[in-house]
Amino acid sequence: MNYLKISVGILLLAGIALASANVHLQRRESARLLRGNVSDLIGDVSRGAYVAIVSGCYACHTDTVNDGAPLAGGSALTTPFGTFYPPNITSHKIAGIGSWSLENFQHAMLLGRSPSGQHYYPAFPYTSYTTMQPQDLVDLKVWLDTVKPVAQPAPAHKLVWPVSIRSVLSGWKLLYFDTERNINSSNRGDYLVNGIAHCAECHASRNLLGGQTDLSLTGNRHGPEGKSVPGISQTDLSDWSTGDIEFFLELGMLPDGDFTGGHMANVVEYSTRLMSIDDRTSIARHLLSNRNSGATQ
């Protein structure tokens, strides 16, 4: 009986803690939405197509390993918390996001919440997308609405307990999701590296809970598929020139003549090589600047 009372007490306390976390999160979310009003903006499809390139939509949401349809769901992403399957983001109204309103899309990208209010796992990099400028967000949405619909939904995530319980994400978000990040979009390199192109999602260190406590891009020992991800801080790239980085982003070739592989090869193939020359230069200059050293979240 005592064990039962203790168990009930623990569950009750956990429920109270999660409810409190949700209250605090909703306050943060309301403040973030006020900073990013999109209701009066008109989207541009051609600009949205470029925003999709910069933000890496194709590389994650297309199963290129198995010749999957564009944006109909990505290949499995293995992590210490289980296997994530990037969802279908085509315009299909059931399997994809074709039924989403602009508000639904805004909540997903900026707050990490589904149309039903559920928390998204941070394998979806809303922790970086929350910095997205309102016009970029609207442009991306109108472009996604033009993507050919595909009826097949992506597989469900296969996650370990208690990560498999979505409600625990309210506590994780309270600790590690900073909705107040407000990157100055006039610094294009900063906006790309630390925001919309979400370099820090792979290249910044994470703790045992998967939280990023340091955004200085010094590398991640526990990257996708259990592989180490190299640092790309100013110190790590001390032997690289701006031209070296630009060339790498275009072709995936390192200064020693070797080529990148794994997930980064997809990023180059479907994102960075398709960026404008100016954007690749902005990324290179920012990575080699002092502004990129020692950033924290």
Foldseek 3Di string as FASTA:
>chain_A
DVVVVVVVVVVVVVVVVLVVLVVVLVVLVVVLCVVAPQPPPAADQVLLVQLCQLLVQQLAQACVVVPGDGQQKHDWWQFPFFIDIGKRQALPVPQHPVVDDLVQQLCCQQPQAHPVGFHHDCVVVSLQSNQPHNRNSNHNVVNSNVGDDDDDIIDHTDGDPPVVPRSCVSVVCSVARDSPDHDDVVLVQCCRDRHSSNVQLAQAEADPVRHGFWSLRQWYCGGIPRHTGHGLALVSCVVPDLVQQLVCLQFQAHPVGDGDDDSVVSSSVRHSNPHDSVSSSSNSVVRNDPVSGGDGD
